[in-house]
Amino acid sequence: MTEEQKKHEESLLIEKALQGDENAYAEIIKRYRNSLYSVLFKMVKNKEEAEDLVQEAFIKAFRALESFNENYAFSTWLYKIAVNNCIDFLRKKRLQIFSYDKPLSVKDGEVRRDYPDPDQTPEHLLLSREKTQIINEAIDQLPPKYRIVIDLRHRQELSYEEIADRLNLPLGTVKARIFRAREILKRNLKGKILP
């Protein structure tokens, strides 16, 4: 296949994805997932973080798909999104953190700090329960094929491969469904618990 044919095929795939074709999303994920994972794993050196960053990269890319300029290679555009997201992730991870237990050095010696536990206030517990209930209701309202993969991934904490085995589905289909389910949840939760 020539470079021109490959670019034309990719263009058709992107057009189908923009029209909401789930198979096109799955095909894009299938084509780029492993190489994207490889790049991100080299950056974070952690399998779970790399897997999550791959998912985030696809989510960001699919959200911005309309802005993709076909004069450039899709893979380059996708990798740029993924690497920039990973750099942001690493920056946040490396923020300087202070220990709660370490005394604060002052001119006259050291002073211990006391902090209230905000997680134990009745207001926080109530808000946390309400938030969980809203999320669970949103998950329960998902179409069955999306609800099952979200349940297996987030409630039962199965890997993508375990979900594919359990549901007897291709791995790309599982990833596409999880991606679409997360998109639906974000849309449905916007204004309820998400800004």
N, C-alpha and C. Protein backbone atom coordinates (compact mmCIF):
# COMPACT_ATOMS: atom_id res chain seq x y z
N MET A 1 0.85 -1.18 0.00
CA MET A 1 0.00 0.00 0.00
C MET A 1 0.90 1.24 0.00
N THR A 2 0.63 2.14 -0.93
CA THR A 2 1.42 3.36 -1.02
C THR A 2 1.05 4.31 0.12
N GLU A 3 1.91 5.29 0.33
CA GLU A 3 1.66 6.28 1.38
C GLU A 3 0.37 7.05 1.09
N GLU A 4 0.12 7.33 -0.18
CA GLU A 4 -1.09 8.06 -0.59
C GLU A 4 -2.34 7.23 -0.31
N GLN A 5 -2.29 5.93 -0.61
CA GLN A 5 -3.42 5.03 -0.35
C GLN A 5 -3.67 4.93 1.16
N LYS A 6 -2.59 4.83 1.91
CA LYS A 6 -2.70 4.73 3.36
C LYS A 6 -3.36 5.99 3.92
N LYS A 7 -2.94 7.14 3.41
CA LYS A 7 -3.50 8.42 3.88
C LYS A 7 -4.98 8.52 3.52
N HIS A 8 -5.35 8.04 2.33
CA HIS A 8 -6.75 8.07 1.89
C HIS A 8 -7.60 7.15 2.78
N GLU A 9 -7.09 5.96 3.06
CA GLU A 9 -7.81 5.00 3.91
C GLU A 9 -8.00 5.58 5.32
N GLU A 10 -6.94 6.21 5.83
CA GLU A 10 -6.99 6.84 7.15
C GLU A 10 -8.03 7.97 7.17
N SER A 11 -8.06 8.73 6.10
CA SER A 11 -9.01 9.84 5.98
C SER A 11 -10.45 9.34 6.02
N LEU A 12 -10.73 8.24 5.32
CA LEU A 12 -12.07 7.64 5.33
C LEU A 12 -12.43 7.14 6.72
N LEU A 13 -11.46 6.54 7.40
CA LEU A 13 -11.66 6.03 8.75
C LEU A 13 -12.01 7.17 9.71
N ILE A 14 -11.29 8.26 9.60
CA ILE A 14 -11.54 9.43 10.46
C ILE A 14 -12.92 10.00 10.17
N GLU A 15 -13.28 10.06 8.91
CA GLU A 15 -14.61 10.58 8.53
C GLU A 15 -15.71 9.72 9.13
N LYS A 16 -15.54 8.40 9.08
CA LYS A 16 -16.53 7.49 9.68
C LYS A 16 -16.61 7.69 11.19
N ALA A 17 -15.45 7.86 11.82
CA ALA A 17 -15.43 8.08 13.27
C ALA A 17 -16.17 9.37 13.62
N LEU A 18 -15.97 10.41 12.82
CA LEU A 18 -16.65 11.68 13.05
C LEU A 18 -18.17 11.54 12.93
N GLN A 19 -18.61 10.57 12.14
CA GLN A 19 -20.03 10.31 11.97
C GLN A 19 -20.57 9.37 13.06
N GLY A 20 -19.70 9.00 14.02
CA GLY A 20 -20.14 8.18 15.14
C GLY A 20 -20.03 6.68 14.92
N ASP A 21 -19.32 6.26 13.88
CA ASP A 21 -19.17 4.84 13.59
C ASP A 21 -18.26 4.19 14.64
N GLU A 22 -18.84 3.32 15.46
CA GLU A 22 -18.11 2.67 16.55
C GLU A 22 -16.98 1.79 16.03
N ASN A 23 -17.20 1.14 14.89
CA ASN A 23 -16.16 0.28 14.31
C ASN A 23 -14.95 1.10 13.87
N ALA A 24 -15.20 2.33 13.43
CA ALA A 24 -14.09 3.20 13.02
C ALA A 24 -13.26 3.58 14.25
N TYR A 25 -13.95 3.90 15.35
CA TYR A 25 -13.23 4.19 16.60
C TYR A 25 -12.37 2.99 17.00
N ALA A 26 -12.98 1.82 16.97
CA ALA A 26 -12.27 0.60 17.36
C ALA A 26 -11.06 0.35 16.46
N GLU A 27 -11.21 0.61 15.17
CA GLU A 27 -10.12 0.40 14.22
C GLU A 27 -8.98 1.38 14.48
N ILE A 28 -9.31 2.62 14.77
CA ILE A 28 -8.27 3.62 15.08
C ILE A 28 -7.52 3.19 16.33
N ILE A 29 -8.25 2.76 17.37
CA ILE A 29 -7.61 2.30 18.60
C ILE A 29 -6.72 1.10 18.31
N LYS A 30 -7.24 0.15 17.52
CA LYS A 30 -6.49 -1.06 17.18
C LYS A 30 -5.18 -0.72 16.46
N ARG A 31 -5.25 0.25 15.54
CA ARG A 31 -4.06 0.61 14.76
C ARG A 31 -2.97 1.27 15.58
N TYR A 32 -3.36 2.10 16.52
CA TYR A 32 -2.35 2.94 17.18
C TYR A 32 -2.11 2.60 18.65
N ARG A 33 -2.92 1.77 19.25
CA ARG A 33 -2.84 1.51 20.67
C ARG A 33 -1.47 0.99 21.12
N ASN A 34 -0.98 -0.05 20.47
CA ASN A 34 0.27 -0.67 20.91
C ASN A 34 1.46 0.27 20.79
N SER A 35 1.58 0.97 19.68
CA SER A 35 2.72 1.87 19.53
C SER A 35 2.61 3.05 20.49
N LEU A 36 1.38 3.53 20.72
CA LEU A 36 1.16 4.62 21.67
C LEU A 36 1.52 4.15 23.08
N TYR A 37 1.08 2.95 23.43
CA TYR A 37 1.40 2.38 24.74
C TYR A 37 2.91 2.29 24.92
N SER A 38 3.59 1.84 23.90
CA SER A 38 5.04 1.67 23.96
C SER A 38 5.73 3.01 24.25
N VAL A 39 5.30 4.06 23.55
CA VAL A 39 5.89 5.39 23.75
C VAL A 39 5.62 5.87 25.17
N LEU A 40 4.38 5.74 25.63
CA LEU A 40 4.01 6.26 26.94
C LEU A 40 4.61 5.43 28.07
N PHE A 41 4.73 4.12 27.87
CA PHE A 41 5.34 3.28 28.89
C PHE A 41 6.80 3.67 29.11
N LYS A 42 7.50 4.00 28.02
CA LYS A 42 8.89 4.44 28.14
C LYS A 42 8.99 5.73 28.96
N MET A 43 7.94 6.54 28.90
CA MET A 43 7.95 7.80 29.64
C MET A 43 7.61 7.63 31.11
N VAL A 44 6.62 6.78 31.42
CA VAL A 44 6.16 6.66 32.82
C VAL A 44 6.68 5.41 33.54
N LYS A 45 7.10 4.40 32.77
CA LYS A 45 7.65 3.15 33.33
C LYS A 45 6.70 2.48 34.31
N ASN A 46 5.41 2.54 34.01
CA ASN A 46 4.40 1.91 34.85
C ASN A 46 3.26 1.46 33.94
N LYS A 47 2.95 0.15 33.96
CA LYS A 47 1.95 -0.41 33.04
C LYS A 47 0.58 0.22 33.18
N GLU A 48 0.09 0.32 34.43
CA GLU A 48 -1.25 0.84 34.65
C GLU A 48 -1.35 2.32 34.25
N GLU A 49 -0.33 3.10 34.62
CA GLU A 49 -0.34 4.52 34.26
C GLU A 49 -0.27 4.68 32.75
N ALA A 50 0.56 3.87 32.09
CA ALA A 50 0.67 3.94 30.63
C ALA A 50 -0.67 3.58 29.98
N GLU A 51 -1.34 2.56 30.50
CA GLU A 51 -2.65 2.14 29.97
C GLU A 51 -3.67 3.27 30.12
N ASP A 52 -3.69 3.89 31.30
CA ASP A 52 -4.62 5.00 31.53
C ASP A 52 -4.30 6.19 30.62
N LEU A 53 -3.02 6.46 30.44
CA LEU A 53 -2.61 7.58 29.58
C LEU A 53 -2.97 7.32 28.11
N VAL A 54 -2.89 6.06 27.70
CA VAL A 54 -3.32 5.70 26.33
C VAL A 54 -4.80 6.02 26.17
N GLN A 55 -5.61 5.59 27.15
CA GLN A 55 -7.05 5.87 27.10
C GLN A 55 -7.32 7.37 27.06
N GLU A 56 -6.62 8.12 27.92
CA GLU A 56 -6.80 9.58 27.94
C GLU A 56 -6.43 10.20 26.60
N ALA A 57 -5.35 9.69 26.01
CA ALA A 57 -4.91 10.23 24.71
C ALA A 57 -6.00 10.01 23.65
N PHE A 58 -6.58 8.81 23.63
CA PHE A 58 -7.64 8.55 22.66
C PHE A 58 -8.87 9.42 22.93
N ILE A 59 -9.20 9.58 24.20
CA ILE A 59 -10.36 10.43 24.54
C ILE A 59 -10.12 11.85 24.05
N LYS A 60 -8.94 12.40 24.35
CA LYS A 60 -8.63 13.77 23.92
C LYS A 60 -8.59 13.88 22.40
N ALA A 61 -8.00 12.89 21.76
CA ALA A 61 -7.92 12.92 20.30
C ALA A 61 -9.30 12.82 19.66
N PHE A 62 -10.14 11.92 20.16
CA PHE A 62 -11.47 11.77 19.57
C PHE A 62 -12.33 13.01 19.80
N ARG A 63 -12.12 13.67 20.96
CA ARG A 63 -12.85 14.91 21.21
C ARG A 63 -12.43 16.01 20.24
N ALA A 64 -11.15 15.99 19.85
CA ALA A 64 -10.61 17.04 18.99
C ALA A 64 -10.51 16.60 17.53
N LEU A 65 -11.13 15.47 17.20
CA LEU A 65 -10.99 14.89 15.87
C LEU A 65 -11.38 15.85 14.75
N GLU A 66 -12.38 16.67 15.01
CA GLU A 66 -12.81 17.63 13.99
C GLU A 66 -11.72 18.64 13.65
N SER A 67 -10.81 18.88 14.58
CA SER A 67 -9.75 19.87 14.35
C SER A 67 -8.52 19.26 13.66
N PHE A 68 -8.53 17.93 13.43
CA PHE A 68 -7.39 17.28 12.78
C PHE A 68 -7.24 17.81 11.35
N ASN A 69 -6.02 18.20 11.02
CA ASN A 69 -5.70 18.71 9.68
C ASN A 69 -5.14 17.56 8.85
N GLU A 70 -5.85 17.19 7.80
CA GLU A 70 -5.47 16.02 6.99
C GLU A 70 -4.21 16.23 6.17
N ASN A 71 -3.65 17.42 6.20
CA ASN A 71 -2.37 17.66 5.52
C ASN A 71 -1.22 17.01 6.28
N TYR A 72 -1.47 16.62 7.54
CA TYR A 72 -0.45 16.01 8.37
C TYR A 72 -0.81 14.56 8.66
N ALA A 73 0.17 13.80 9.11
CA ALA A 73 -0.08 12.39 9.44
C ALA A 73 -0.90 12.31 10.73
N PHE A 74 -1.92 11.46 10.72
CA PHE A 74 -2.76 11.29 11.90
C PHE A 74 -1.93 10.78 13.08
N SER A 75 -1.02 9.86 12.81
CA SER A 75 -0.20 9.28 13.89
C SER A 75 0.62 10.37 14.59
N THR A 76 1.18 11.29 13.84
CA THR A 76 1.97 12.38 14.42
C THR A 76 1.10 13.23 15.32
N TRP A 77 -0.10 13.55 14.85
CA TRP A 77 -1.06 14.36 15.61
C TRP A 77 -1.46 13.64 16.90
N LEU A 78 -1.75 12.35 16.79
CA LEU A 78 -2.15 11.54 17.94
C LEU A 78 -1.02 11.44 18.95
N TYR A 79 0.21 11.18 18.48
CA TYR A 79 1.35 11.06 19.39
C TYR A 79 1.63 12.38 20.10
N LYS A 80 1.45 13.47 19.40
CA LYS A 80 1.68 14.78 20.02
C LYS A 80 0.69 14.99 21.18
N ILE A 81 -0.56 14.64 20.95
CA ILE A 81 -1.58 14.75 22.01
C ILE A 81 -1.19 13.87 23.19
N ALA A 82 -0.80 12.63 22.89
CA ALA A 82 -0.47 11.66 23.94
C ALA A 82 0.76 12.10 24.74
N VAL A 83 1.80 12.54 24.05
CA VAL A 83 3.04 12.92 24.72
C VAL A 83 2.82 14.19 25.56
N ASN A 84 2.10 15.17 25.02
CA ASN A 84 1.82 16.39 25.79
C ASN A 84 1.01 16.07 27.04
N ASN A 85 0.02 15.19 26.91
CA ASN A 85 -0.78 14.78 28.06
C ASN A 85 0.09 14.07 29.09
N CYS A 86 0.99 13.23 28.62
CA CYS A 86 1.88 12.49 29.51
C CYS A 86 2.83 13.45 30.23
N ILE A 87 3.35 14.44 29.53
CA ILE A 87 4.22 15.44 30.15
C ILE A 87 3.47 16.18 31.25
N ASP A 88 2.22 16.56 30.99
CA ASP A 88 1.39 17.20 32.02
C ASP A 88 1.22 16.29 33.22
N PHE A 89 0.95 15.01 32.96
CA PHE A 89 0.79 14.03 34.02
C PHE A 89 2.05 13.94 34.87
N LEU A 90 3.22 13.87 34.21
CA LEU A 90 4.48 13.76 34.93
C LEU A 90 4.78 15.02 35.74
N ARG A 91 4.44 16.17 35.20
CA ARG A 91 4.65 17.43 35.94
C ARG A 91 3.82 17.44 37.22
N LYS A 92 2.55 17.06 37.10
CA LYS A 92 1.69 17.03 38.28
C LYS A 92 2.20 16.03 39.30
N LYS A 93 2.71 14.92 38.82
CA LYS A 93 3.19 13.87 39.70
C LYS A 93 4.45 14.31 40.47
N ARG A 94 5.23 15.19 39.85
CA ARG A 94 6.49 15.62 40.46
C ARG A 94 6.36 16.89 41.30
N LEU A 95 5.15 17.38 41.49
CA LEU A 95 4.98 18.56 42.33
C LEU A 95 5.55 18.28 43.71
N GLN A 96 6.16 19.28 44.29
CA GLN A 96 6.76 19.10 45.61
C GLN A 96 5.67 18.81 46.64
N ILE A 97 5.89 17.79 47.42
CA ILE A 97 4.91 17.36 48.40
C ILE A 97 5.53 17.47 49.79
N PHE A 98 4.78 18.01 50.73
CA PHE A 98 5.25 18.14 52.10
C PHE A 98 4.53 17.11 52.96
N SER A 99 5.27 16.55 53.89
CA SER A 99 4.71 15.56 54.79
C SER A 99 3.86 16.22 55.86
N TYR A 100 2.74 15.61 56.19
CA TYR A 100 1.90 16.08 57.29
C TYR A 100 2.62 15.91 58.63
N ASP A 101 3.40 14.83 58.71
CA ASP A 101 4.02 14.48 59.98
C ASP A 101 5.31 15.25 60.26
N LYS A 102 5.96 15.74 59.23
CA LYS A 102 7.25 16.40 59.41
C LYS A 102 7.06 17.76 60.07
N PRO A 103 7.79 18.02 61.15
CA PRO A 103 7.66 19.32 61.82
C PRO A 103 8.16 20.45 60.92
N LEU A 104 7.62 21.61 61.13
CA LEU A 104 7.99 22.80 60.38
C LEU A 104 9.14 23.49 61.10
N SER A 105 10.22 23.76 60.38
CA SER A 105 11.37 24.43 61.00
C SER A 105 11.10 25.93 61.05
N VAL A 106 11.27 26.49 62.24
CA VAL A 106 11.14 27.93 62.44
C VAL A 106 12.38 28.42 63.17
N LYS A 107 12.47 29.73 63.34
CA LYS A 107 13.65 30.35 63.95
C LYS A 107 13.94 29.77 65.34
N ASP A 108 12.92 29.52 66.12
CA ASP A 108 13.10 29.05 67.50
C ASP A 108 13.08 27.53 67.64
N GLY A 109 13.14 26.81 66.57
CA GLY A 109 13.13 25.35 66.65
C GLY A 109 12.16 24.75 65.65
N GLU A 110 11.41 23.75 66.10
CA GLU A 110 10.45 23.07 65.24
C GLU A 110 9.05 23.16 65.82
N VAL A 111 8.07 23.24 64.93
CA VAL A 111 6.67 23.31 65.34
C VAL A 111 5.92 22.21 64.62
N ARG A 112 5.13 21.47 65.39
CA ARG A 112 4.28 20.43 64.78
C ARG A 112 2.99 21.07 64.28
N ARG A 113 2.48 20.55 63.17
CA ARG A 113 1.24 21.09 62.61
C ARG A 113 0.10 20.11 62.86
N ASP A 114 -1.06 20.65 63.15
CA ASP A 114 -2.27 19.85 63.30
C ASP A 114 -3.22 20.20 62.17
N TYR A 115 -3.81 19.19 61.56
CA TYR A 115 -4.74 19.40 60.46
C TYR A 115 -6.05 18.68 60.76
N PRO A 116 -7.17 19.36 60.53
CA PRO A 116 -8.44 18.66 60.67
C PRO A 116 -8.60 17.67 59.52
N ASP A 117 -9.29 16.60 59.75
CA ASP A 117 -9.54 15.61 58.70
C ASP A 117 -10.84 15.97 58.00
N PRO A 118 -10.75 16.58 56.80
CA PRO A 118 -11.98 17.02 56.12
C PRO A 118 -12.84 15.85 55.64
N ASP A 119 -12.23 14.67 55.51
CA ASP A 119 -12.99 13.51 55.03
C ASP A 119 -13.97 12.98 56.06
N GLN A 120 -13.80 13.36 57.30
CA GLN A 120 -14.66 12.81 58.34
C GLN A 120 -15.79 13.74 58.76
N THR A 121 -15.89 14.90 58.13
CA THR A 121 -16.99 15.79 58.50
C THR A 121 -18.29 15.21 57.97
N PRO A 122 -19.41 15.43 58.68
CA PRO A 122 -20.70 14.91 58.19
C PRO A 122 -21.04 15.44 56.81
N GLU A 123 -20.68 16.71 56.54
CA GLU A 123 -20.98 17.30 55.23
C GLU A 123 -20.23 16.57 54.12
N HIS A 124 -18.94 16.27 54.38
CA HIS A 124 -18.14 15.59 53.37
C HIS A 124 -18.66 14.18 53.11
N LEU A 125 -19.01 13.47 54.17
CA LEU A 125 -19.53 12.11 54.01
C LEU A 125 -20.84 12.11 53.23
N LEU A 126 -21.70 13.09 53.52
CA LEU A 126 -22.98 13.20 52.81
C LEU A 126 -22.75 13.51 51.33
N LEU A 127 -21.86 14.47 51.04
CA LEU A 127 -21.56 14.83 49.65
C LEU A 127 -20.95 13.65 48.90
N SER A 128 -20.08 12.93 49.59
CA SER A 128 -19.45 11.77 48.96
C SER A 128 -20.49 10.70 48.62
N ARG A 129 -21.43 10.45 49.53
CA ARG A 129 -22.49 9.47 49.26
C ARG A 129 -23.38 9.92 48.11
N GLU A 130 -23.72 11.22 48.09
CA GLU A 130 -24.57 11.75 47.02
C GLU A 130 -23.87 11.63 45.66
N LYS A 131 -22.58 11.96 45.65
CA LYS A 131 -21.80 11.88 44.41
C LYS A 131 -21.77 10.43 43.91
N THR A 132 -21.52 9.50 44.81
CA THR A 132 -21.48 8.08 44.43
C THR A 132 -22.84 7.64 43.88
N GLN A 133 -23.91 8.08 44.51
CA GLN A 133 -25.26 7.72 44.05
C GLN A 133 -25.52 8.28 42.65
N ILE A 134 -25.14 9.52 42.41
CA ILE A 134 -25.35 10.15 41.10
C ILE A 134 -24.56 9.39 40.03
N ILE A 135 -23.31 9.04 40.34
CA ILE A 135 -22.48 8.29 39.38
C ILE A 135 -23.09 6.92 39.11
N ASN A 136 -23.50 6.22 40.16
CA ASN A 136 -24.11 4.89 39.98
C ASN A 136 -25.39 4.96 39.15
N GLU A 137 -26.20 5.98 39.37
CA GLU A 137 -27.42 6.14 38.58
C GLU A 137 -27.07 6.40 37.12
N ALA A 138 -26.04 7.21 36.87
CA ALA A 138 -25.62 7.49 35.49
C ALA A 138 -25.12 6.21 34.82
N ILE A 139 -24.37 5.40 35.56
CA ILE A 139 -23.88 4.13 35.01
C ILE A 139 -25.05 3.21 34.70
N ASP A 140 -26.03 3.14 35.61
CA ASP A 140 -27.19 2.27 35.42
C ASP A 140 -28.03 2.69 34.20
N GLN A 141 -27.94 3.95 33.80
CA GLN A 141 -28.72 4.44 32.65
C GLN A 141 -28.00 4.24 31.32
N LEU A 142 -26.76 3.77 31.37
CA LEU A 142 -26.02 3.52 30.13
C LEU A 142 -26.68 2.37 29.36
N PRO A 143 -26.57 2.38 28.02
CA PRO A 143 -27.02 1.22 27.26
C PRO A 143 -26.27 -0.03 27.76
N PRO A 144 -26.92 -1.19 27.75
CA PRO A 144 -26.33 -2.41 28.33
C PRO A 144 -24.90 -2.71 27.89
N LYS A 145 -24.59 -2.55 26.60
CA LYS A 145 -23.25 -2.92 26.14
C LYS A 145 -22.18 -2.01 26.73
N TYR A 146 -22.55 -0.78 27.08
CA TYR A 146 -21.60 0.13 27.71
C TYR A 146 -21.58 -0.06 29.23
N ARG A 147 -22.75 -0.31 29.79
CA ARG A 147 -22.85 -0.48 31.24
C ARG A 147 -22.00 -1.67 31.71
N ILE A 148 -22.06 -2.77 30.96
CA ILE A 148 -21.34 -3.98 31.37
C ILE A 148 -19.83 -3.76 31.38
N VAL A 149 -19.29 -3.07 30.34
CA VAL A 149 -17.83 -2.88 30.31
C VAL A 149 -17.37 -1.90 31.40
N ILE A 150 -18.18 -0.88 31.68
CA ILE A 150 -17.84 0.07 32.75
C ILE A 150 -17.88 -0.65 34.10
N ASP A 151 -18.89 -1.48 34.29
CA ASP A 151 -19.01 -2.24 35.54
C ASP A 151 -17.80 -3.14 35.73
N LEU A 152 -17.43 -3.87 34.69
CA LEU A 152 -16.30 -4.79 34.80
C LEU A 152 -14.98 -4.04 35.01
N ARG A 153 -14.83 -2.90 34.36
CA ARG A 153 -13.57 -2.14 34.45
C ARG A 153 -13.46 -1.38 35.78
N HIS A 154 -14.50 -0.66 36.17
CA HIS A 154 -14.38 0.24 37.30
C HIS A 154 -14.94 -0.31 38.62
N ARG A 155 -15.94 -1.13 38.56
CA ARG A 155 -16.48 -1.69 39.81
C ARG A 155 -15.77 -2.99 40.17
N GLN A 156 -15.50 -3.82 39.16
CA GLN A 156 -14.83 -5.10 39.43
C GLN A 156 -13.33 -5.03 39.18
N GLU A 157 -12.87 -3.91 38.63
CA GLU A 157 -11.45 -3.63 38.40
C GLU A 157 -10.74 -4.70 37.56
N LEU A 158 -11.42 -5.18 36.52
CA LEU A 158 -10.80 -6.14 35.60
C LEU A 158 -9.96 -5.39 34.57
N SER A 159 -8.95 -6.04 34.05
CA SER A 159 -8.13 -5.45 32.99
C SER A 159 -8.92 -5.51 31.68
N TYR A 160 -8.45 -4.77 30.68
CA TYR A 160 -9.11 -4.78 29.38
C TYR A 160 -9.12 -6.20 28.80
N GLU A 161 -8.00 -6.90 28.98
CA GLU A 161 -7.88 -8.26 28.45
C GLU A 161 -8.87 -9.21 29.13
N GLU A 162 -9.01 -9.06 30.46
CA GLU A 162 -9.95 -9.92 31.21
C GLU A 162 -11.39 -9.65 30.77
N ILE A 163 -11.70 -8.39 30.51
CA ILE A 163 -13.05 -8.04 30.04
C ILE A 163 -13.30 -8.66 28.68
N ALA A 164 -12.31 -8.54 27.79
CA ALA A 164 -12.44 -9.13 26.44
C ALA A 164 -12.67 -10.64 26.53
N ASP A 165 -11.92 -11.31 27.41
CA ASP A 165 -12.09 -12.76 27.59
C ASP A 165 -13.47 -13.09 28.15
N ARG A 166 -13.87 -12.36 29.18
CA ARG A 166 -15.15 -12.64 29.83
C ARG A 166 -16.33 -12.43 28.88
N LEU A 167 -16.26 -11.37 28.06
CA LEU A 167 -17.38 -11.05 27.16
C LEU A 167 -17.22 -11.67 25.78
N ASN A 168 -16.08 -12.35 25.57
CA ASN A 168 -15.79 -12.96 24.27
C ASN A 168 -15.86 -11.92 23.15
N LEU A 169 -15.17 -10.79 23.39
CA LEU A 169 -15.13 -9.69 22.42
C LEU A 169 -13.68 -9.38 22.07
N PRO A 170 -13.45 -8.81 20.88
CA PRO A 170 -12.09 -8.37 20.56
C PRO A 170 -11.67 -7.25 21.51
N LEU A 171 -10.39 -7.19 21.82
CA LEU A 171 -9.85 -6.18 22.74
C LEU A 171 -10.17 -4.76 22.27
N GLY A 172 -10.06 -4.52 20.97
CA GLY A 172 -10.35 -3.19 20.42
C GLY A 172 -11.79 -2.78 20.65
N THR A 173 -12.71 -3.72 20.55
CA THR A 173 -14.13 -3.42 20.79
C THR A 173 -14.35 -3.05 22.25
N VAL A 174 -13.70 -3.78 23.16
CA VAL A 174 -13.82 -3.48 24.59
C VAL A 174 -13.33 -2.07 24.86
N LYS A 175 -12.16 -1.73 24.31
CA LYS A 175 -11.59 -0.40 24.54
C LYS A 175 -12.48 0.69 23.94
N ALA A 176 -13.01 0.44 22.76
CA ALA A 176 -13.89 1.43 22.13
C ALA A 176 -15.16 1.63 22.96
N ARG A 177 -15.71 0.54 23.48
CA ARG A 177 -16.93 0.66 24.30
C ARG A 177 -16.66 1.39 25.61
N ILE A 178 -15.52 1.10 26.23
CA ILE A 178 -15.17 1.81 27.47
C ILE A 178 -15.00 3.30 27.17
N PHE A 179 -14.33 3.59 26.08
CA PHE A 179 -14.15 4.98 25.68
C PHE A 179 -15.49 5.68 25.48
N ARG A 180 -16.38 5.04 24.71
CA ARG A 180 -17.69 5.63 24.43
C ARG A 180 -18.52 5.77 25.71
N ALA A 181 -18.44 4.76 26.59
CA ALA A 181 -19.18 4.81 27.85
C ALA A 181 -18.70 5.98 28.71
N ARG A 182 -17.38 6.17 28.77
CA ARG A 182 -16.84 7.29 29.55
C ARG A 182 -17.29 8.63 28.97
N GLU A 183 -17.34 8.71 27.66
CA GLU A 183 -17.80 9.94 27.01
C GLU A 183 -19.26 10.23 27.38
N ILE A 184 -20.09 9.20 27.32
CA ILE A 184 -21.52 9.36 27.66
C ILE A 184 -21.65 9.78 29.12
N LEU A 185 -20.88 9.13 30.00
CA LEU A 185 -20.93 9.47 31.43
C LEU A 185 -20.50 10.92 31.67
N LYS A 186 -19.42 11.33 31.02
CA LYS A 186 -18.96 12.72 31.19
C LYS A 186 -20.03 13.70 30.76
N ARG A 187 -20.66 13.39 29.62
CA ARG A 187 -21.72 14.27 29.11
C ARG A 187 -22.91 14.30 30.07
N ASN A 188 -23.30 13.13 30.57
CA ASN A 188 -24.47 13.05 31.45
C ASN A 188 -24.20 13.60 32.85
N LEU A 189 -22.95 13.58 33.28
CA LEU A 189 -22.62 14.07 34.63
C LEU A 189 -22.22 15.54 34.64
N LYS A 190 -22.05 16.11 33.46
CA LYS A 190 -21.65 17.53 33.40
C LYS A 190 -22.74 18.38 34.06
N GLY A 191 -22.30 19.23 34.97
CA GLY A 191 -23.24 20.09 35.68
C GLY A 191 -23.80 19.43 36.94
N LYS A 192 -23.66 18.10 37.05
CA LYS A 192 -24.14 17.40 38.25
C LYS A 192 -22.99 17.23 39.24
N ILE A 193 -21.90 16.64 38.76
CA ILE A 193 -20.72 16.54 39.63
C ILE A 193 -19.46 17.02 38.91
N LEU A 194 -19.55 17.19 37.59
CA LEU A 194 -18.41 17.66 36.83
C LEU A 194 -18.67 19.10 36.40
N PRO A 195 -17.59 19.91 36.33
CA PRO A 195 -17.79 21.31 35.91
C PRO A 195 -18.17 21.40 34.45
